[in-house]
Amino acid sequence: MPSALSLRHELKYQINAGEYMILSQLLDTLLSRDKHGDKFNEYRIRSLYFDSPFNDALYEKLSGVPERSKYRIRLYNNNDKHIRLECKRKVGDLTSKEALVIPRDLAEQLIARDSAGLLETNEPLLHQMWREMATHLARPVVIVEYIREAYTFPAEDVRITFDKQLRSGFNSIDLFNPDVPLIDPFTSPTIILEVKYNRALALHIHNLLCSISAMRQSYSKYTICRSVLN
């Protein structure tokens, strides 16, 4: 793992509609809305995840391997003018994320499993992607899409998100197709609450989270979307 990466706490909960309504209204009063949200403080996220032919990333998550990583290509509101290649790493209970804005032609090259020229760049993340493709035969496996509502707090870089309407790509890796078939992996409406921060959580936010009945869980939207397809 690159030593320059900063590690953050990430807490995840599955909450019901009532808890969401209360928390959302309180956070809208206490915290700042995400600058990328629309008038409803929402935006759409679609990611295409990569894994090996042996599903190493999937099984490492399911097995609870303490240090692991996942690679994905992500776009927002189906806009191909801002595409990000990301690597999310897990180190025990902490997480980190590397990201690089890439053009659509490079994204399509990666989706086609073409690693040509990646080592010729000055971008470490592209070098890492080359290694994943060369040594682990990384290839795109599933689209994960959802609506995100986010709030921020400057102390310890707190970021609280509600992820709604989670959908899994139905045997398709056509990231840029707005009409790609998607299916709901849950049998009932589900909202995933995520709380990210650096070292410590502000007391008023901590107390607010203690008011919900949901227990902290080790959720992975990638794993959920992969599992439903299998």
C-alpha atoms as a PDB file:
ATOM      1  CA  MET A   1       0.000   0.000   0.000  1.00  0.00           C
ATOM      2  CA  PRO A   2       1.422   3.414  -0.892  1.00  0.00           C
ATOM      3  CA  SER A   3       2.677   5.093   2.268  1.00  0.00           C
ATOM      4  CA  ALA A   4       1.366   8.516   1.251  1.00  0.00           C
ATOM      5  CA  LEU A   5      -2.263   7.443   1.491  1.00  0.00           C
ATOM      6  CA  SER A   6      -4.276   8.748   4.409  1.00  0.00           C
ATOM      7  CA  LEU A   7      -6.430   6.224   6.244  1.00  0.00           C
ATOM      8  CA  ARG A   8      -9.944   7.098   7.379  1.00  0.00           C
ATOM      9  CA  HIS A   9     -12.661   5.547   9.480  1.00  0.00           C
ATOM     10  CA  GLU A  10     -15.719   4.311   7.613  1.00  0.00           C
ATOM     11  CA  LEU A  11     -18.863   3.220   9.457  1.00  0.00           C
ATOM     12  CA  LYS A  12     -21.760   1.590   7.611  1.00  0.00           C
ATOM     13  CA  TYR A  13     -25.357   0.951   8.626  1.00  0.00           C
ATOM     14  CA  GLN A  14     -28.505  -0.332   6.945  1.00  0.00           C
ATOM     15  CA  ILE A  15     -31.350   1.927   8.087  1.00  0.00           C
ATOM     16  CA  ASN A  16     -35.096   2.019   7.545  1.00  0.00           C
ATOM     17  CA  ALA A  17     -37.121   4.760   5.882  1.00  0.00           C
ATOM     18  CA  GLY A  18     -38.194   6.326   9.185  1.00  0.00           C
ATOM     19  CA  GLU A  19     -34.635   6.614  10.485  1.00  0.00           C
ATOM     20  CA  TYR A  20     -33.550   8.040   7.147  1.00  0.00           C
ATOM     21  CA  MET A  21     -36.189  10.762   7.217  1.00  0.00           C
ATOM     22  CA  ILE A  22     -35.245  11.859  10.741  1.00  0.00           C
ATOM     23  CA  LEU A  23     -31.470  11.737  10.174  1.00  0.00           C
ATOM     24  CA  SER A  24     -31.667  13.469   6.815  1.00  0.00           C
ATOM     25  CA  GLN A  25     -33.658  16.382   8.217  1.00  0.00           C
ATOM     26  CA  LEU A  26     -31.331  16.770  11.216  1.00  0.00           C
ATOM     27  CA  LEU A  27     -28.162  16.590   9.125  1.00  0.00           C
ATOM     28  CA  ASP A  28     -29.559  19.136   6.704  1.00  0.00           C
ATOM     29  CA  THR A  29     -29.772  21.500   9.664  1.00  0.00           C
ATOM     30  CA  LEU A  30     -26.475  20.669  11.377  1.00  0.00           C
ATOM     31  CA  LEU A  31     -24.098  19.987   8.459  1.00  0.00           C
ATOM     32  CA  SER A  32     -23.402  21.341   4.988  1.00  0.00           C
ATOM     33  CA  ARG A  33     -24.867  19.839   1.849  1.00  0.00           C
ATOM     34  CA  ASP A  34     -22.516  18.265  -0.658  1.00  0.00           C
ATOM     35  CA  LYS A  35     -21.604  20.815  -3.310  1.00  0.00           C
ATOM     36  CA  HIS A  36     -22.214  18.273  -6.075  1.00  0.00           C
ATOM     37  CA  GLY A  37     -25.834  17.602  -5.154  1.00  0.00           C
ATOM     38  CA  ASP A  38     -28.846  18.910  -7.055  1.00  0.00           C
ATOM     39  CA  LYS A  39     -31.678  20.900  -5.473  1.00  0.00           C
ATOM     40  CA  PHE A  40     -32.655  17.743  -3.581  1.00  0.00           C
ATOM     41  CA  ASN A  41     -29.010  17.249  -2.490  1.00  0.00           C
ATOM     42  CA  GLU A  42     -28.726  14.109  -4.596  1.00  0.00           C
ATOM     43  CA  TYR A  43     -26.610  12.803  -7.450  1.00  0.00           C
ATOM     44  CA  ARG A  44     -26.312   9.505  -9.283  1.00  0.00           C
ATOM     45  CA  ILE A  45     -23.197   7.350  -9.008  1.00  0.00           C
ATOM     46  CA  ARG A  46     -22.407   4.533 -11.404  1.00  0.00           C
ATOM     47  CA  SER A  47     -19.287   2.410 -10.987  1.00  0.00           C
ATOM     48  CA  LEU A  48     -17.829  -0.456 -12.982  1.00  0.00           C
ATOM     49  CA  TYR A  49     -15.816  -2.758 -10.734  1.00  0.00           C
ATOM     50  CA  PHE A  50     -12.888  -4.930 -11.737  1.00  0.00           C
ATOM     51  CA  ASP A  51     -11.959  -8.349 -10.368  1.00  0.00           C
ATOM     52  CA  SER A  52      -9.812 -11.313 -11.304  1.00  0.00           C
ATOM     53  CA  PRO A  53     -11.184 -14.410 -13.087  1.00  0.00           C
ATOM     54  CA  PHE A  54     -11.016 -16.094  -9.668  1.00  0.00           C
ATOM     55  CA  ASN A  55     -13.022 -13.277  -8.018  1.00  0.00           C
ATOM     56  CA  ASP A  56     -10.218 -12.437  -5.609  1.00  0.00           C
ATOM     57  CA  ALA A  57     -11.701  -9.081  -4.555  1.00  0.00           C
ATOM     58  CA  LEU A  58     -15.097 -10.660  -3.919  1.00  0.00           C
ATOM     59  CA  TYR A  59     -13.820 -13.571  -1.847  1.00  0.00           C
ATOM     60  CA  GLU A  60     -11.311 -11.475   0.067  1.00  0.00           C
ATOM     61  CA  LYS A  61     -14.203  -9.289   1.201  1.00  0.00           C
ATOM     62  CA  LEU A  62     -16.408 -12.257   2.080  1.00  0.00           C
ATOM     63  CA  SER A  63     -13.524 -13.890   3.968  1.00  0.00           C
ATOM     64  CA  GLY A  64     -12.665 -10.719   5.868  1.00  0.00           C
ATOM     65  CA  VAL A  65      -9.086 -10.422   4.605  1.00  0.00           C
ATOM     66  CA  PRO A  66      -7.739  -7.460   6.624  1.00  0.00           C
ATOM     67  CA  GLU A  67      -5.820  -5.793   3.770  1.00  0.00           C
ATOM     68  CA  ARG A  68      -7.461  -5.731   0.373  1.00  0.00           C
ATOM     69  CA  SER A  69      -8.241  -3.425  -2.542  1.00  0.00           C
ATOM     70  CA  LYS A  70     -10.833  -2.915  -5.280  1.00  0.00           C
ATOM     71  CA  TYR A  71     -10.485  -1.047  -8.572  1.00  0.00           C
ATOM     72  CA  ARG A  72     -13.342   0.714 -10.325  1.00  0.00           C
ATOM     73  CA  ILE A  73     -14.214   3.279 -12.983  1.00  0.00           C
ATOM     74  CA  ARG A  74     -16.802   5.777 -11.776  1.00  0.00           C
ATOM     75  CA  LEU A  75     -18.953   8.482 -13.328  1.00  0.00           C
ATOM     76  CA  TYR A  76     -21.567  10.849 -11.941  1.00  0.00           C
ATOM     77  CA  ASN A  77     -25.043  11.525 -13.331  1.00  0.00           C
ATOM     78  CA  ASN A  78     -24.073   9.522 -16.436  1.00  0.00           C
ATOM     79  CA  ASN A  79     -21.719  12.346 -17.435  1.00  0.00           C
ATOM     80  CA  ASP A  80     -18.682  11.090 -19.355  1.00  0.00           C
ATOM     81  CA  LYS A  81     -16.883  14.445 -19.016  1.00  0.00           C
ATOM     82  CA  HIS A  82     -15.724  13.568 -15.500  1.00  0.00           C
ATOM     83  CA  ILE A  83     -14.662   9.928 -15.208  1.00  0.00           C
ATOM     84  CA  ARG A  84     -12.549   8.645 -12.340  1.00  0.00           C
ATOM     85  CA  LEU A  85     -10.373   5.586 -12.004  1.00  0.00           C
ATOM     86  CA  GLU A  86     -10.317   4.669  -8.325  1.00  0.00           C
ATOM     87  CA  CYS A  87      -8.664   2.179  -6.026  1.00  0.00           C
ATOM     88  CA  LYS A  88     -10.296   1.704  -2.646  1.00  0.00           C
ATOM     89  CA  ARG A  89      -8.171   0.005  -0.015  1.00  0.00           C
ATOM     90  CA  LYS A  90      -9.113  -1.576   3.275  1.00  0.00           C
ATOM     91  CA  VAL A  91      -6.569  -1.856   6.087  1.00  0.00           C
ATOM     92  CA  GLY A  92      -8.185  -3.395   9.140  1.00  0.00           C
ATOM     93  CA  ASP A  93     -11.008  -1.053  10.167  1.00  0.00           C
ATOM     94  CA  LEU A  94      -9.607   1.851   8.121  1.00  0.00           C
ATOM     95  CA  THR A  95      -9.968   2.770   4.462  1.00  0.00           C
ATOM     96  CA  SER A  96      -8.243   4.909   1.863  1.00  0.00           C
ATOM     97  CA  LYS A  97      -8.975   5.860  -1.717  1.00  0.00           C
ATOM     98  CA  GLU A  98      -6.808   6.857  -4.661  1.00  0.00           C
ATOM     99  CA  ALA A  99      -8.495   8.552  -7.611  1.00  0.00           C
ATOM    100  CA  LEU A 100      -7.478   9.828 -11.016  1.00  0.00           C
ATOM    101  CA  VAL A 101      -9.621  11.682 -13.567  1.00  0.00           C
ATOM    102  CA  ILE A 102      -9.296   9.931 -16.931  1.00  0.00           C
ATOM    103  CA  PRO A 103     -10.714  10.594 -20.414  1.00  0.00           C
ATOM    104  CA  ARG A 104     -13.409   8.389 -21.888  1.00  0.00           C
ATOM    105  CA  ASP A 105     -11.087   6.787 -24.420  1.00  0.00           C
ATOM    106  CA  LEU A 106      -8.802   5.582 -21.624  1.00  0.00           C
ATOM    107  CA  ALA A 107     -11.797   4.300 -19.653  1.00  0.00           C
ATOM    108  CA  GLU A 108     -12.956   2.353 -22.699  1.00  0.00           C
ATOM    109  CA  GLN A 109      -9.428   1.011 -23.157  1.00  0.00           C
ATOM    110  CA  LEU A 110      -9.426  -0.313 -19.580  1.00  0.00           C
ATOM    111  CA  ILE A 111     -12.895  -1.798 -20.007  1.00  0.00           C
ATOM    112  CA  ALA A 112     -11.587  -3.594 -23.105  1.00  0.00           C
ATOM    113  CA  ARG A 113      -8.753  -5.004 -20.910  1.00  0.00           C
ATOM    114  CA  ASP A 114      -6.122  -3.252 -22.986  1.00  0.00           C
ATOM    115  CA  SER A 115      -3.139  -2.301 -20.798  1.00  0.00           C
ATOM    116  CA  ALA A 116      -1.073  -0.769 -23.606  1.00  0.00           C
ATOM    117  CA  GLY A 117       0.731   2.423 -22.623  1.00  0.00           C
ATOM    118  CA  LEU A 118      -0.228   2.405 -18.948  1.00  0.00           C
ATOM    119  CA  LEU A 119       3.386   2.088 -17.819  1.00  0.00           C
ATOM    120  CA  GLU A 120       4.437   4.961 -20.053  1.00  0.00           C
ATOM    121  CA  THR A 121       2.490   7.523 -18.035  1.00  0.00           C
ATOM    122  CA  ASN A 122       3.592   9.333 -14.876  1.00  0.00           C
ATOM    123  CA  GLU A 123       0.463   8.293 -12.984  1.00  0.00           C
ATOM    124  CA  PRO A 124       1.083   5.734 -10.198  1.00  0.00           C
ATOM    125  CA  LEU A 125      -2.546   4.627 -10.220  1.00  0.00           C
ATOM    126  CA  LEU A 126      -2.302   3.658 -13.893  1.00  0.00           C
ATOM    127  CA  HIS A 127       0.853   1.707 -13.081  1.00  0.00           C
ATOM    128  CA  GLN A 128      -1.069  -0.120 -10.354  1.00  0.00           C
ATOM    129  CA  MET A 129      -3.889  -0.837 -12.782  1.00  0.00           C
ATOM    130  CA  TRP A 130      -1.374  -2.270 -15.235  1.00  0.00           C
ATOM    131  CA  ARG A 131      -0.092  -4.639 -12.540  1.00  0.00           C
ATOM    132  CA  GLU A 132      -3.646  -5.734 -11.727  1.00  0.00           C
ATOM    133  CA  MET A 133      -4.332  -6.466 -15.366  1.00  0.00           C
ATOM    134  CA  ALA A 134      -0.985  -8.160 -15.959  1.00  0.00           C
ATOM    135  CA  THR A 135      -0.652 -10.253 -12.802  1.00  0.00           C
ATOM    136  CA  HIS A 136      -4.247 -10.823 -11.681  1.00  0.00           C
ATOM    137  CA  LEU A 137      -5.925 -10.575 -15.100  1.00  0.00           C
ATOM    138  CA  ALA A 138      -8.282  -7.917 -13.756  1.00  0.00           C
ATOM    139  CA  ARG A 139     -11.362  -7.369 -15.915  1.00  0.00           C
ATOM    140  CA  PRO A 140     -14.666  -5.514 -15.501  1.00  0.00           C
ATOM    141  CA  VAL A 141     -17.324  -7.625 -13.785  1.00  0.00           C
ATOM    142  CA  VAL A 142     -20.312  -5.613 -12.553  1.00  0.00           C
ATOM    143  CA  ILE A 143     -21.980  -2.200 -12.671  1.00  0.00           C
ATOM    144  CA  VAL A 144     -23.081  -0.750  -9.328  1.00  0.00           C
ATOM    145  CA  GLU A 145     -25.430   2.244  -9.380  1.00  0.00           C
ATOM    146  CA  TYR A 146     -27.229   4.245  -6.707  1.00  0.00           C
ATOM    147  CA  ILE A 147     -28.485   7.690  -5.708  1.00  0.00           C
ATOM    148  CA  ARG A 148     -26.337   9.451  -3.091  1.00  0.00           C
ATOM    149  CA  GLU A 149     -27.337  12.170  -0.631  1.00  0.00           C
ATOM    150  CA  ALA A 150     -24.312  13.617   1.181  1.00  0.00           C
ATOM    151  CA  TYR A 151     -23.462  15.987   4.026  1.00  0.00           C
ATOM    152  CA  THR A 152     -20.105  17.313   5.210  1.00  0.00           C
ATOM    153  CA  PHE A 153     -18.558  18.758   8.372  1.00  0.00           C
ATOM    154  CA  PRO A 154     -15.087  20.365   8.290  1.00  0.00           C
ATOM    155  CA  ALA A 155     -13.685  19.059  11.593  1.00  0.00           C
ATOM    156  CA  GLU A 156     -11.912  15.760  10.840  1.00  0.00           C
ATOM    157  CA  ASP A 157     -13.302  15.942   7.298  1.00  0.00           C
ATOM    158  CA  VAL A 158     -16.567  14.230   8.216  1.00  0.00           C
ATOM    159  CA  ARG A 159     -18.683  13.000   5.323  1.00  0.00           C
ATOM    160  CA  ILE A 160     -22.068  11.351   5.869  1.00  0.00           C
ATOM    161  CA  THR A 161     -23.917   9.775   2.970  1.00  0.00           C
ATOM    162  CA  PHE A 162     -27.225   8.034   2.328  1.00  0.00           C
ATOM    163  CA  ASP A 163     -27.075   5.642  -0.618  1.00  0.00           C
ATOM    164  CA  LYS A 164     -30.506   4.880  -2.046  1.00  0.00           C
ATOM    165  CA  GLN A 165     -31.983   2.879  -4.926  1.00  0.00           C
ATOM    166  CA  LEU A 166     -29.003   0.531  -5.193  1.00  0.00           C
ATOM    167  CA  ARG A 167     -28.998  -1.304  -8.510  1.00  0.00           C
ATOM    168  CA  SER A 168     -26.802  -4.019  -9.981  1.00  0.00           C
ATOM    169  CA  GLY A 169     -25.920  -4.268 -13.650  1.00  0.00           C
ATOM    170  CA  PHE A 170     -27.637  -7.299 -15.128  1.00  0.00           C
ATOM    171  CA  ASN A 171     -24.733  -9.182 -16.718  1.00  0.00           C
ATOM    172  CA  SER A 172     -23.554  -6.027 -18.479  1.00  0.00           C
ATOM    173  CA  ILE A 173     -20.386  -3.930 -18.284  1.00  0.00           C
ATOM    174  CA  ASP A 174     -21.675  -1.228 -20.641  1.00  0.00           C
ATOM    175  CA  LEU A 175     -20.811   1.612 -18.267  1.00  0.00           C
ATOM    176  CA  PHE A 176     -21.708   4.462 -20.613  1.00  0.00           C
ATOM    177  CA  ASN A 177     -25.089   3.109 -21.712  1.00  0.00           C
ATOM    178  CA  PRO A 178     -27.782   5.062 -19.785  1.00  0.00           C
ATOM    179  CA  ASP A 179     -30.322   2.323 -20.601  1.00  0.00           C
ATOM    180  CA  VAL A 180     -28.285  -0.637 -19.381  1.00  0.00           C
ATOM    181  CA  PRO A 181     -30.557  -3.149 -17.555  1.00  0.00           C
ATOM    182  CA  LEU A 182     -30.310  -2.835 -13.760  1.00  0.00           C
ATOM    183  CA  ILE A 183     -31.874  -4.911 -10.986  1.00  0.00           C
ATOM    184  CA  ASP A 184     -32.565  -4.250  -7.304  1.00  0.00           C
ATOM    185  CA  PRO A 185     -30.506  -6.620  -5.117  1.00  0.00           C
ATOM    186  CA  PHE A 186     -32.820  -6.138  -2.134  1.00  0.00           C
ATOM    187  CA  THR A 187     -36.313  -7.517  -1.521  1.00  0.00           C
ATOM    188  CA  SER A 188     -37.446  -4.308   0.228  1.00  0.00           C
ATOM    189  CA  PRO A 189     -36.430  -0.616   0.071  1.00  0.00           C
ATOM    190  CA  THR A 190     -33.008  -0.296   1.692  1.00  0.00           C
ATOM    191  CA  ILE A 191     -30.898   2.733   2.556  1.00  0.00           C
ATOM    192  CA  ILE A 192     -27.205   2.445   3.382  1.00  0.00           C
ATOM    193  CA  LEU A 193     -25.788   5.066   5.741  1.00  0.00           C
ATOM    194  CA  GLU A 194     -22.027   5.652   5.605  1.00  0.00           C
ATOM    195  CA  VAL A 195     -20.026   7.837   7.983  1.00  0.00           C
ATOM    196  CA  LYS A 196     -16.434   8.704   7.050  1.00  0.00           C
ATOM    197  CA  TYR A 197     -13.975  10.733   9.132  1.00  0.00           C
ATOM    198  CA  ASN A 198     -10.267  11.032   9.890  1.00  0.00           C
ATOM    199  CA  ARG A 199      -9.436  10.471  13.570  1.00  0.00           C
ATOM    200  CA  ALA A 200     -12.413  11.281  15.780  1.00  0.00           C
ATOM    201  CA  LEU A 201     -16.086  11.972  15.274  1.00  0.00           C
ATOM    202  CA  ALA A 202     -17.567  15.200  16.634  1.00  0.00           C
ATOM    203  CA  LEU A 203     -19.635  14.565  19.767  1.00  0.00           C
ATOM    204  CA  HIS A 204     -22.895  15.939  18.375  1.00  0.00           C
ATOM    205  CA  ILE A 205     -22.611  13.704  15.307  1.00  0.00           C
ATOM    206  CA  HIS A 206     -21.706  10.693  17.463  1.00  0.00           C
ATOM    207  CA  ASN A 207     -24.757  11.289  19.656  1.00  0.00           C
ATOM    208  CA  LEU A 208     -26.952  11.633  16.613  1.00  0.00           C
ATOM    209  CA  LEU A 209     -25.830   8.249  15.284  1.00  0.00           C
ATOM    210  CA  CYS A 210     -26.466   6.658  18.676  1.00  0.00           C
ATOM    211  CA  SER A 211     -30.134   7.562  18.257  1.00  0.00           C
ATOM    212  CA  ILE A 212     -30.678   5.026  15.466  1.00  0.00           C
ATOM    213  CA  SER A 213     -31.479   1.369  16.124  1.00  0.00           C
ATOM    214  CA  ALA A 214     -29.346   0.001  13.300  1.00  0.00           C
ATOM    215  CA  MET A 215     -26.129  -1.765  14.222  1.00  0.00           C
ATOM    216  CA  ARG A 216     -22.874  -1.088  12.439  1.00  0.00           C
ATOM    217  CA  GLN A 217     -22.269  -3.659   9.689  1.00  0.00           C
ATOM    218  CA  SER A 218     -19.611  -4.470   7.136  1.00  0.00           C
ATOM    219  CA  TYR A 219     -21.535  -3.597   3.991  1.00  0.00           C
ATOM    220  CA  SER A 220     -20.082  -3.694   0.508  1.00  0.00           C
ATOM    221  CA  LYS A 221     -22.262  -2.497  -2.339  1.00  0.00           C
ATOM    222  CA  TYR A 222     -19.913  -4.347  -4.688  1.00  0.00           C
ATOM    223  CA  THR A 223     -20.381  -7.644  -2.846  1.00  0.00           C
ATOM    224  CA  ILE A 224     -24.154  -7.193  -2.638  1.00  0.00           C
ATOM    225  CA  CYS A 225     -24.401  -6.534  -6.371  1.00  0.00           C
ATOM    226  CA  ARG A 226     -22.116  -9.432  -7.250  1.00  0.00           C
ATOM    227  CA  SER A 227     -23.973 -11.835  -4.998  1.00  0.00           C
ATOM    228  CA  VAL A 228     -27.394 -11.153  -6.496  1.00  0.00           C
ATOM    229  CA  LEU A 229     -26.092 -11.933  -9.974  1.00  0.00           C
ATOM    230  CA  ASN A 230     -24.749 -15.268  -8.759  1.00  0.00           C
END
